[in-house]
Amino acid sequence: MPVDAALAETWIERWERQQERYAVEREERFTVVADVVEQVAGHRPRPLVADLGSGPGSLSARIAARLPEAEVLAVDIDPLLLALGRARHPGSPAGSRP
């Protein structure tokens, strides 16, 4: 289910705004999770990090930025959210997987 990049960006921005209202201190939570992932996997040469329930990849993108050598796998039951994430991050290694 390919999604146009501009349309994906619009929907992800709406998703992010909604999530910021729903999840208290969301950015702080993302920072803590990324800190833990970096502590556990950061010393490995090419760690595999699975983001379960990833939505459009908000946390996945932050972890990938923090650990550029890691393979970050975004997993979600909603194919539309995964398609939005793929459109926003077209260079991701899992870009062609459902």
N, C-alpha and C. Protein backbone atom coordinates (compact mmCIF):
# COMPACT_ATOMS: atom_id res chain seq x y z
N MET A 1 0.84 -1.17 0.00
CA MET A 1 0.00 0.00 0.00
C MET A 1 0.89 1.24 0.00
N PRO A 2 1.39 1.66 -1.15
CA PRO A 2 2.23 2.86 -1.21
C PRO A 2 1.42 4.13 -0.88
N VAL A 3 2.08 5.06 -0.23
CA VAL A 3 1.46 6.33 0.14
C VAL A 3 2.37 7.45 -0.34
N ASP A 4 1.79 8.49 -0.92
CA ASP A 4 2.53 9.66 -1.37
C ASP A 4 3.24 10.31 -0.18
N ALA A 5 4.49 10.72 -0.37
CA ALA A 5 5.30 11.28 0.72
C ALA A 5 4.68 12.53 1.33
N ALA A 6 4.14 13.42 0.51
CA ALA A 6 3.54 14.66 1.03
C ALA A 6 2.29 14.35 1.85
N LEU A 7 1.48 13.43 1.37
CA LEU A 7 0.28 13.03 2.11
C LEU A 7 0.68 12.35 3.42
N ALA A 8 1.69 11.51 3.36
CA ALA A 8 2.17 10.84 4.57
C ALA A 8 2.64 11.86 5.60
N GLU A 9 3.37 12.87 5.15
CA GLU A 9 3.87 13.89 6.07
C GLU A 9 2.72 14.61 6.77
N THR A 10 1.67 14.93 6.02
CA THR A 10 0.49 15.59 6.59
C THR A 10 -0.15 14.73 7.66
N TRP A 11 -0.36 13.46 7.35
CA TRP A 11 -1.01 12.56 8.31
C TRP A 11 -0.12 12.28 9.51
N ILE A 12 1.17 12.17 9.30
CA ILE A 12 2.06 11.92 10.44
C ILE A 12 2.12 13.14 11.35
N GLU A 13 2.11 14.33 10.79
CA GLU A 13 2.08 15.54 11.62
C GLU A 13 0.82 15.55 12.49
N ARG A 14 -0.32 15.16 11.91
CA ARG A 14 -1.57 15.07 12.68
C ARG A 14 -1.45 14.01 13.77
N TRP A 15 -0.86 12.87 13.41
CA TRP A 15 -0.65 11.77 14.37
C TRP A 15 0.20 12.27 15.53
N GLU A 16 1.30 12.96 15.22
CA GLU A 16 2.20 13.44 16.26
C GLU A 16 1.49 14.41 17.20
N ARG A 17 0.70 15.33 16.65
CA ARG A 17 -0.04 16.29 17.49
C ARG A 17 -1.02 15.56 18.41
N GLN A 18 -1.73 14.58 17.85
CA GLN A 18 -2.69 13.81 18.64
C GLN A 18 -1.97 13.05 19.75
N GLN A 19 -0.86 12.42 19.42
CA GLN A 19 -0.11 11.63 20.40
C GLN A 19 0.47 12.52 21.51
N GLU A 20 0.89 13.73 21.17
CA GLU A 20 1.43 14.65 22.18
C GLU A 20 0.36 15.00 23.21
N ARG A 21 -0.90 15.10 22.78
CA ARG A 21 -1.99 15.38 23.73
C ARG A 21 -2.34 14.14 24.54
N TYR A 22 -2.21 12.97 23.94
CA TYR A 22 -2.61 11.72 24.57
C TYR A 22 -1.55 11.18 25.53
N ALA A 23 -0.31 11.17 25.12
CA ALA A 23 0.78 10.59 25.90
C ALA A 23 1.53 11.69 26.65
N VAL A 24 1.32 11.73 27.94
CA VAL A 24 1.96 12.74 28.77
C VAL A 24 3.48 12.56 28.72
N GLU A 25 4.18 13.67 28.54
CA GLU A 25 5.65 13.68 28.48
C GLU A 25 6.19 12.68 27.45
N ARG A 26 5.60 12.68 26.30
CA ARG A 26 5.95 11.72 25.23
C ARG A 26 7.41 11.80 24.83
N GLU A 27 7.91 13.00 24.60
CA GLU A 27 9.32 13.15 24.19
C GLU A 27 10.27 12.64 25.27
N GLU A 28 9.94 12.91 26.52
CA GLU A 28 10.77 12.42 27.61
C GLU A 28 10.77 10.90 27.64
N ARG A 29 9.62 10.29 27.39
CA ARG A 29 9.54 8.83 27.34
C ARG A 29 10.39 8.28 26.20
N PHE A 30 10.29 8.91 25.03
CA PHE A 30 11.11 8.49 23.89
C PHE A 30 12.60 8.59 24.24
N THR A 31 12.98 9.65 24.92
CA THR A 31 14.38 9.83 25.29
C THR A 31 14.84 8.72 26.23
N VAL A 32 14.01 8.39 27.21
CA VAL A 32 14.37 7.32 28.15
C VAL A 32 14.49 5.99 27.43
N VAL A 33 13.54 5.67 26.55
CA VAL A 33 13.60 4.41 25.80
C VAL A 33 14.87 4.37 24.94
N ALA A 34 15.15 5.46 24.24
CA ALA A 34 16.35 5.52 23.40
C ALA A 34 17.62 5.39 24.24
N ASP A 35 17.63 5.99 25.44
CA ASP A 35 18.77 5.85 26.34
C ASP A 35 19.00 4.39 26.71
N VAL A 36 17.92 3.68 27.04
CA VAL A 36 18.02 2.28 27.43
C VAL A 36 18.49 1.43 26.25
N VAL A 37 17.91 1.67 25.08
CA VAL A 37 18.31 0.91 23.89
C VAL A 37 19.79 1.15 23.60
N GLU A 38 20.22 2.39 23.69
CA GLU A 38 21.63 2.70 23.44
C GLU A 38 22.54 2.02 24.48
N GLN A 39 22.12 2.00 25.73
CA GLN A 39 22.91 1.36 26.78
C GLN A 39 23.02 -0.15 26.54
N VAL A 40 21.92 -0.77 26.13
CA VAL A 40 21.90 -2.23 25.95
C VAL A 40 22.55 -2.65 24.63
N ALA A 41 22.27 -1.91 23.57
CA ALA A 41 22.70 -2.36 22.23
C ALA A 41 23.79 -1.51 21.60
N GLY A 42 24.09 -0.37 22.18
CA GLY A 42 25.02 0.57 21.56
C GLY A 42 26.42 0.06 21.35
N HIS A 43 26.85 -0.91 22.13
CA HIS A 43 28.22 -1.43 22.00
C HIS A 43 28.33 -2.54 20.97
N ARG A 44 27.22 -3.00 20.44
CA ARG A 44 27.24 -4.08 19.45
C ARG A 44 27.53 -3.49 18.07
N PRO A 45 28.18 -4.26 17.18
CA PRO A 45 28.56 -3.71 15.88
C PRO A 45 27.38 -3.36 14.97
N ARG A 46 26.35 -4.15 14.93
CA ARG A 46 25.17 -3.88 14.09
C ARG A 46 23.93 -4.44 14.79
N PRO A 47 23.47 -3.77 15.84
CA PRO A 47 22.36 -4.32 16.60
C PRO A 47 21.04 -4.28 15.81
N LEU A 48 20.18 -5.22 16.13
CA LEU A 48 18.82 -5.25 15.58
C LEU A 48 17.89 -4.80 16.69
N VAL A 49 17.13 -3.74 16.42
CA VAL A 49 16.19 -3.19 17.40
C VAL A 49 14.80 -3.29 16.80
N ALA A 50 13.88 -3.95 17.50
CA ALA A 50 12.50 -4.08 17.05
C ALA A 50 11.63 -3.11 17.83
N ASP A 51 10.90 -2.27 17.12
CA ASP A 51 9.96 -1.33 17.71
C ASP A 51 8.57 -1.93 17.52
N LEU A 52 8.06 -2.59 18.55
CA LEU A 52 6.76 -3.27 18.47
C LEU A 52 5.64 -2.28 18.74
N GLY A 53 4.63 -2.28 17.88
CA GLY A 53 3.56 -1.30 17.99
C GLY A 53 4.06 0.06 17.57
N SER A 54 4.82 0.08 16.49
CA SER A 54 5.57 1.27 16.07
C SER A 54 4.74 2.42 15.55
N GLY A 55 3.50 2.15 15.14
CA GLY A 55 2.75 3.21 14.47
C GLY A 55 3.50 3.63 13.23
N PRO A 56 3.57 4.93 12.95
CA PRO A 56 4.28 5.38 11.75
C PRO A 56 5.79 5.49 11.93
N GLY A 57 6.31 5.01 13.05
CA GLY A 57 7.76 4.98 13.23
C GLY A 57 8.35 6.14 14.00
N SER A 58 7.57 6.78 14.84
CA SER A 58 8.07 7.93 15.59
C SER A 58 9.27 7.57 16.46
N LEU A 59 9.15 6.50 17.23
CA LEU A 59 10.26 6.06 18.08
C LEU A 59 11.35 5.41 17.24
N SER A 60 10.97 4.64 16.24
CA SER A 60 11.95 3.99 15.36
C SER A 60 12.91 5.00 14.76
N ALA A 61 12.37 6.12 14.29
CA ALA A 61 13.20 7.16 13.68
C ALA A 61 14.18 7.75 14.68
N ARG A 62 13.73 7.94 15.91
CA ARG A 62 14.61 8.50 16.94
C ARG A 62 15.73 7.52 17.29
N ILE A 63 15.39 6.24 17.36
CA ILE A 63 16.42 5.23 17.66
C ILE A 63 17.40 5.12 16.50
N ALA A 64 16.90 5.14 15.27
CA ALA A 64 17.78 5.07 14.10
C ALA A 64 18.74 6.26 14.07
N ALA A 65 18.25 7.44 14.46
CA ALA A 65 19.11 8.62 14.49
C ALA A 65 20.17 8.49 15.59
N ARG A 66 19.78 7.91 16.71
CA ARG A 66 20.69 7.75 17.84
C ARG A 66 21.72 6.66 17.58
N LEU A 67 21.29 5.57 16.92
CA LEU A 67 22.17 4.43 16.63
C LEU A 67 22.18 4.17 15.13
N PRO A 68 22.90 4.98 14.36
CA PRO A 68 22.86 4.84 12.90
C PRO A 68 23.35 3.50 12.38
N GLU A 69 24.15 2.77 13.16
CA GLU A 69 24.64 1.47 12.72
C GLU A 69 23.62 0.36 12.97
N ALA A 70 22.55 0.65 13.70
CA ALA A 70 21.55 -0.37 14.03
C ALA A 70 20.57 -0.58 12.88
N GLU A 71 20.06 -1.80 12.81
CA GLU A 71 18.91 -2.07 11.94
C GLU A 71 17.69 -1.95 12.83
N VAL A 72 16.82 -1.00 12.52
CA VAL A 72 15.63 -0.76 13.32
C VAL A 72 14.43 -1.28 12.54
N LEU A 73 13.72 -2.21 13.13
CA LEU A 73 12.58 -2.85 12.49
C LEU A 73 11.30 -2.35 13.14
N ALA A 74 10.49 -1.63 12.38
CA ALA A 74 9.21 -1.13 12.87
C ALA A 74 8.14 -2.19 12.60
N VAL A 75 7.40 -2.55 13.65
CA VAL A 75 6.38 -3.59 13.55
C VAL A 75 5.06 -3.02 14.07
N ASP A 76 4.00 -3.15 13.27
CA ASP A 76 2.69 -2.70 13.70
C ASP A 76 1.63 -3.53 13.00
N ILE A 77 0.49 -3.69 13.63
CA ILE A 77 -0.60 -4.46 13.04
C ILE A 77 -1.33 -3.65 11.96
N ASP A 78 -1.20 -2.33 12.00
CA ASP A 78 -1.92 -1.45 11.08
C ASP A 78 -1.08 -1.18 9.83
N PRO A 79 -1.47 -1.73 8.68
CA PRO A 79 -0.68 -1.54 7.47
C PRO A 79 -0.61 -0.08 7.01
N LEU A 80 -1.63 0.71 7.31
CA LEU A 80 -1.60 2.12 6.91
C LEU A 80 -0.53 2.88 7.69
N LEU A 81 -0.43 2.63 8.99
CA LEU A 81 0.60 3.31 9.77
C LEU A 81 1.99 2.93 9.29
N LEU A 82 2.19 1.66 8.95
CA LEU A 82 3.48 1.24 8.40
C LEU A 82 3.76 1.90 7.06
N ALA A 83 2.72 2.02 6.22
CA ALA A 83 2.89 2.67 4.92
C ALA A 83 3.25 4.14 5.10
N LEU A 84 2.64 4.81 6.07
CA LEU A 84 2.99 6.20 6.35
C LEU A 84 4.46 6.31 6.77
N GLY A 85 4.89 5.40 7.63
CA GLY A 85 6.29 5.40 8.06
C GLY A 85 7.24 5.14 6.91
N ARG A 86 6.89 4.20 6.03
CA ARG A 86 7.74 3.91 4.86
C ARG A 86 7.85 5.14 3.95
N ALA A 87 6.73 5.85 3.77
CA ALA A 87 6.74 7.03 2.91
C ALA A 87 7.60 8.14 3.52
N ARG A 88 7.58 8.25 4.83
CA ARG A 88 8.37 9.29 5.49
C ARG A 88 9.86 8.92 5.54
N HIS A 89 10.15 7.63 5.59
CA HIS A 89 11.54 7.16 5.69
C HIS A 89 11.81 6.17 4.57
N PRO A 90 11.85 6.65 3.33
CA PRO A 90 11.96 5.73 2.18
C PRO A 90 13.25 4.94 2.13
N GLY A 91 14.29 5.36 2.79
CA GLY A 91 15.56 4.64 2.75
C GLY A 91 15.69 3.55 3.79
N SER A 92 14.62 3.31 4.55
CA SER A 92 14.73 2.30 5.61
C SER A 92 14.89 0.91 5.02
N PRO A 93 15.64 0.03 5.70
CA PRO A 93 15.89 -1.30 5.14
C PRO A 93 14.64 -2.13 4.97
N ALA A 94 13.62 -1.89 5.77
CA ALA A 94 12.39 -2.69 5.66
C ALA A 94 11.36 -2.00 4.78
N GLY A 95 11.79 -1.05 3.97
CA GLY A 95 10.87 -0.26 3.17
C GLY A 95 9.96 -1.04 2.25
N SER A 96 10.34 -2.25 1.87
CA SER A 96 9.50 -3.00 0.95
C SER A 96 8.70 -4.10 1.63
N ARG A 97 8.86 -4.26 2.93
CA ARG A 97 8.12 -5.32 3.62
C ARG A 97 6.81 -4.79 4.17
N PRO A 98 5.76 -5.61 4.17
CA PRO A 98 4.47 -5.16 4.76
C PRO A 98 4.55 -5.14 6.28
